[in-house]
Amino acid sequence: MQADMVLERVDTGVRAELTYDPSFVSTDKRMGELLVRITSGSADAEDRELFGTLWQDRVKRILIEYKNDPRLVKCEVVQ
């Protein structure tokens, strides 16, 4: 497992490797095209605002609807 974060106890040396994977949480289909426009510099203020709204909606769903989903954060204890 490629860990995103590693926590280690200083007294025992036992480590917990954490991996965050929100890829299973769906995104609005418009986000891809909006991101292309934003990164290419062709987006207008309305595009940027819509992208921000859609992004925040996904973050909200991750934090509220999927907060207890075991697929979101995986933890492996390493001795």
Foldseek 3Di string as FASTA:
>chain_A
DDAPDKDADPVPRKIKGKDFDPPVQDADPVLVVLVVCVVVVNDDPVSVVVNVVRVVVSVVCCVPVVVPPCVGMDIDIDD
